[in-house]
Amino acid sequence: MDLAANSGAPVVGLIDSGGARIQEGIDSLAGYSAIFQRNNNMEEPPQQRTQDDPERRDRGLLHVVPDNPNQPYDMMDIILQVVDDGDFMEVHELYARNIIVGFARFDGRPVGIVAQQPDHLAGLLDINASTKAARFIRFCDAFNVPLVTFIDVPGYMPGTVQEHGGIIKHGAKLLYAYAEATVPKTASLVRKAYGARTSP
């Protein structure tokens, strides 16, 4: 945007394209602008002070994941305990609810979070979840936002509907998005990480 403004080109921002609906999302816009202060991947995202000690121990994490491996839990309980000040801005929370994507901070630095949601469809990866996560990963990579992934996935959604819809193709898009992302990436294995299987 700075380059466009300096060269005299027109700049169309969120306010210009939002119209009357802009008032509906002031909180979301403030959150986005705090993370994406500049529109490029050449600068570090802005850092913010936090009240949380980066060396803290979150004892509550010991009780989130049930002993029974088949019992679901809410991955948001983990995310909200580990991010700065328990502040997490989920993106597209009503779409493909078996995967969580959103923005948070660790030690004041913005990160993109991708996590399976065992509380919905057991956290299985289906076409919609794979597409949602792949788009989010590419978005974070475009704005130089590091990625943190919390993994608890029993595999890909089985069934002819998913197969005919191209689950292999869409699942591969998710893998490619991770592989092609140049931002720092880290992952935490929460319970399980299974992939696809083929029959002999």
Protein backbone atom coordinates (compact mmCIF):
# COMPACT_ATOMS: atom_id res chain seq x y z
CA MET A 1 0.00 0.00 0.00
CA ASP A 2 2.87 2.37 0.77
CA LEU A 3 4.36 1.76 -2.67
CA ALA A 4 1.01 2.49 -4.33
CA ALA A 5 0.53 5.67 -2.32
CA ASN A 6 4.07 6.91 -3.05
CA SER A 7 3.71 6.29 -6.78
CA GLY A 8 0.33 8.02 -6.98
CA ALA A 9 -1.66 4.86 -7.71
CA PRO A 10 -5.11 4.55 -6.16
CA VAL A 11 -5.29 2.57 -2.92
CA VAL A 12 -8.46 0.63 -2.20
CA GLY A 13 -8.47 -0.62 1.37
CA LEU A 14 -10.90 -2.41 3.65
CA ILE A 15 -12.84 0.75 4.45
CA ASP A 16 -13.26 1.64 0.77
CA SER A 17 -14.66 -1.77 -0.07
CA GLY A 18 -16.67 -2.38 3.12
CA GLY A 19 -19.41 0.21 2.70
CA ALA A 20 -22.12 0.34 5.35
CA ARG A 21 -21.13 -3.06 6.75
CA ILE A 22 -17.82 -1.73 8.01
CA GLN A 23 -19.30 -0.94 11.43
CA GLU A 24 -20.23 -4.59 11.94
CA GLY A 25 -16.63 -5.71 12.07
CA ILE A 26 -14.73 -2.98 13.91
CA ASP A 27 -13.28 -5.44 16.44
CA SER A 28 -12.24 -7.84 13.69
CA LEU A 29 -10.69 -5.03 11.68
CA ALA A 30 -8.76 -3.83 14.70
CA GLY A 31 -7.46 -7.34 15.24
CA TYR A 32 -6.46 -7.76 11.61
CA SER A 33 -4.78 -4.38 11.47
CA ALA A 34 -2.76 -5.15 14.58
CA ILE A 35 -1.35 -8.20 12.82
CA PHE A 36 -1.16 -6.96 9.22
CA GLN A 37 0.04 -3.42 9.74
CA ARG A 38 1.83 -3.53 6.41
CA ASN A 39 0.70 -5.41 3.32
CA ASN A 40 3.83 -7.36 2.47
CA ASN A 41 5.95 -10.29 3.51
CA MET A 42 9.22 -8.36 3.57
CA GLU A 43 8.78 -6.96 7.08
CA GLU A 44 8.29 -8.64 10.41
CA PRO A 45 4.73 -8.47 11.74
CA PRO A 46 4.36 -5.97 14.60
CA GLN A 47 5.15 -7.20 18.11
CA GLN A 48 2.92 -6.32 21.07
CA ARG A 49 3.48 -6.33 24.81
CA THR A 50 1.84 -9.13 26.77
CA GLN A 51 0.99 -9.71 30.41
CA ASP A 52 1.84 -13.42 30.15
CA ASP A 53 5.23 -14.77 31.17
CA PRO A 54 6.67 -16.71 28.19
CA GLU A 55 8.19 -19.18 30.70
CA ARG A 56 4.87 -19.88 32.45
CA ARG A 57 3.65 -23.40 33.12
CA ASP A 58 0.01 -24.07 32.28
CA ARG A 59 -0.97 -26.87 34.66
CA GLY A 60 -4.52 -26.82 33.26
CA LEU A 61 -3.18 -28.47 30.11
CA LEU A 62 -2.69 -31.70 32.06
CA HIS A 63 -6.45 -32.17 32.30
CA VAL A 64 -7.67 -31.18 28.83
CA VAL A 65 -6.98 -34.37 26.88
CA PRO A 66 -9.02 -37.32 28.24
CA ASP A 67 -7.36 -40.63 29.16
CA ASN A 68 -9.75 -42.43 26.82
CA PRO A 69 -8.31 -41.99 23.29
CA ASN A 70 -11.82 -42.20 21.79
CA GLN A 71 -13.28 -39.41 23.92
CA PRO A 72 -13.42 -35.99 22.24
CA TYR A 73 -12.33 -32.72 23.82
CA ASP A 74 -12.34 -29.09 22.77
CA MET A 75 -9.03 -28.05 21.19
CA MET A 76 -9.93 -24.43 22.00
CA ASP A 77 -9.22 -25.26 25.67
CA ILE A 78 -5.59 -25.88 24.73
CA ILE A 79 -5.26 -22.93 22.38
CA LEU A 80 -6.68 -20.41 24.85
CA GLN A 81 -4.31 -21.60 27.60
CA VAL A 82 -1.11 -21.37 25.59
CA VAL A 83 -1.55 -18.13 23.60
CA ASP A 84 -0.76 -14.71 25.06
CA ASP A 85 -3.45 -13.40 27.40
CA GLY A 86 -5.88 -16.13 26.21
CA ASP A 87 -6.56 -13.98 23.14
CA PHE A 88 -7.34 -15.93 19.96
CA MET A 89 -9.12 -14.58 16.88
CA GLU A 90 -10.66 -17.51 15.03
CA VAL A 91 -11.24 -17.16 11.30
CA HIS A 92 -14.16 -18.86 9.50
CA GLU A 93 -15.27 -20.53 12.73
CA LEU A 94 -18.61 -21.70 11.28
CA TYR A 95 -17.09 -23.31 8.16
CA ALA A 96 -15.41 -26.74 8.38
CA ARG A 97 -15.62 -26.78 12.16
CA ASN A 98 -13.44 -29.90 12.34
CA ILE A 99 -10.41 -27.64 11.87
CA ILE A 100 -9.58 -24.41 13.67
CA VAL A 101 -7.63 -21.57 12.06
CA GLY A 102 -6.95 -18.14 13.48
CA PHE A 103 -4.51 -15.61 14.84
CA ALA A 104 -2.88 -15.26 18.23
CA ARG A 105 0.40 -14.14 19.76
CA PHE A 106 3.26 -15.91 21.49
CA ASP A 107 5.57 -13.65 23.50
CA GLY A 108 3.91 -10.71 21.74
CA ARG A 109 4.63 -12.01 18.23
CA PRO A 110 1.72 -12.76 15.87
CA VAL A 111 1.25 -16.33 14.69
CA GLY A 112 -1.27 -18.24 12.63
CA ILE A 113 -2.72 -21.28 14.37
CA VAL A 114 -4.01 -24.41 12.63
CA ALA A 115 -5.54 -27.14 14.79
CA GLN A 116 -7.81 -30.12 14.35
CA GLN A 117 -10.99 -29.97 16.46
CA PRO A 118 -11.68 -33.41 18.02
CA ASP A 119 -14.98 -32.06 19.34
CA HIS A 120 -16.37 -31.92 15.77
CA LEU A 121 -16.25 -34.92 13.40
CA ALA A 122 -13.44 -36.26 15.63
CA GLY A 123 -11.08 -33.81 13.90
CA LEU A 124 -11.11 -35.80 10.66
CA LEU A 125 -9.76 -34.02 7.60
CA ASP A 126 -12.37 -33.69 4.89
CA ILE A 127 -12.43 -31.63 1.70
CA ASN A 128 -13.69 -28.46 3.39
CA ALA A 129 -11.24 -28.67 6.30
CA SER A 130 -8.30 -29.31 3.97
CA THR A 131 -9.27 -26.35 1.78
CA LYS A 132 -9.83 -24.05 4.76
CA ALA A 133 -6.46 -24.89 6.32
CA ALA A 134 -4.55 -24.67 3.01
CA ARG A 135 -5.97 -21.20 2.26
CA PHE A 136 -5.11 -20.00 5.76
CA ILE A 137 -1.55 -21.33 5.56
CA ARG A 138 -0.99 -19.58 2.22
CA PHE A 139 -2.46 -16.37 3.63
CA CYS A 140 -0.10 -16.45 6.62
CA ASP A 141 2.84 -17.17 4.33
CA ALA A 142 1.95 -14.17 2.15
CA PHE A 143 2.07 -11.85 5.18
CA ASN A 144 5.13 -13.38 6.86
CA VAL A 145 3.13 -14.72 9.82
CA PRO A 146 4.69 -17.86 11.39
CA LEU A 147 2.54 -20.98 11.78
CA VAL A 148 1.83 -23.07 14.87
CA THR A 149 -0.04 -26.36 14.38
CA PHE A 150 -1.73 -28.44 17.07
CA ILE A 151 -2.19 -31.96 15.73
CA ASP A 152 -4.82 -34.48 16.76
CA VAL A 153 -6.07 -36.06 13.55
CA PRO A 154 -7.44 -39.60 13.09
CA GLY A 155 -7.01 -39.37 9.30
CA TYR A 156 -9.06 -38.37 6.29
CA MET A 157 -12.85 -38.59 6.20
CA PRO A 158 -13.83 -41.90 4.59
CA GLY A 159 -16.71 -42.35 2.18
CA THR A 160 -17.69 -42.15 -1.44
CA VAL A 161 -18.89 -38.54 -1.16
CA GLN A 162 -15.41 -37.42 -0.12
CA GLU A 163 -13.72 -39.65 -2.67
CA HIS A 164 -15.86 -38.41 -5.55
CA GLY A 165 -15.36 -34.83 -4.36
CA GLY A 166 -11.59 -35.22 -4.61
CA ILE A 167 -10.37 -35.68 -1.03
CA ILE A 168 -6.98 -36.84 -2.30
CA LYS A 169 -6.56 -33.68 -4.39
CA HIS A 170 -7.74 -31.36 -1.61
CA GLY A 171 -5.74 -33.19 1.02
CA ALA A 172 -2.66 -32.79 -1.18
CA LYS A 173 -3.31 -29.03 -1.36
CA LEU A 174 -2.97 -28.90 2.42
CA LEU A 175 0.33 -30.79 2.30
CA TYR A 176 1.63 -28.55 -0.49
CA ALA A 177 0.63 -25.42 1.42
CA TYR A 178 2.70 -26.54 4.41
CA ALA A 179 5.62 -27.62 2.22
CA GLU A 180 5.67 -24.39 0.20
CA ALA A 181 5.28 -22.01 3.15
CA THR A 182 8.53 -20.18 3.83
CA VAL A 183 7.54 -18.80 7.23
CA PRO A 184 8.73 -20.51 10.42
CA LYS A 185 6.54 -23.51 11.26
CA THR A 186 6.23 -25.58 14.40
CA ALA A 187 3.86 -28.36 15.36
CA SER A 188 2.70 -29.89 18.62
CA LEU A 189 1.38 -33.45 18.56
CA VAL A 190 -1.46 -33.40 21.06
CA ARG A 191 -2.74 -36.97 20.77
CA LYS A 192 -2.53 -38.69 17.39
CA ALA A 193 -1.50 -38.05 13.79
CA TYR A 194 -2.78 -40.55 11.24
CA GLY A 195 -2.92 -40.12 7.49
CA ALA A 196 -4.59 -41.97 4.67
CA ARG A 197 -4.31 -45.68 4.21
CA THR A 198 -4.69 -47.80 1.14
CA SER A 199 -5.92 -51.34 0.87
CA PRO A 200 -3.64 -53.94 -0.75
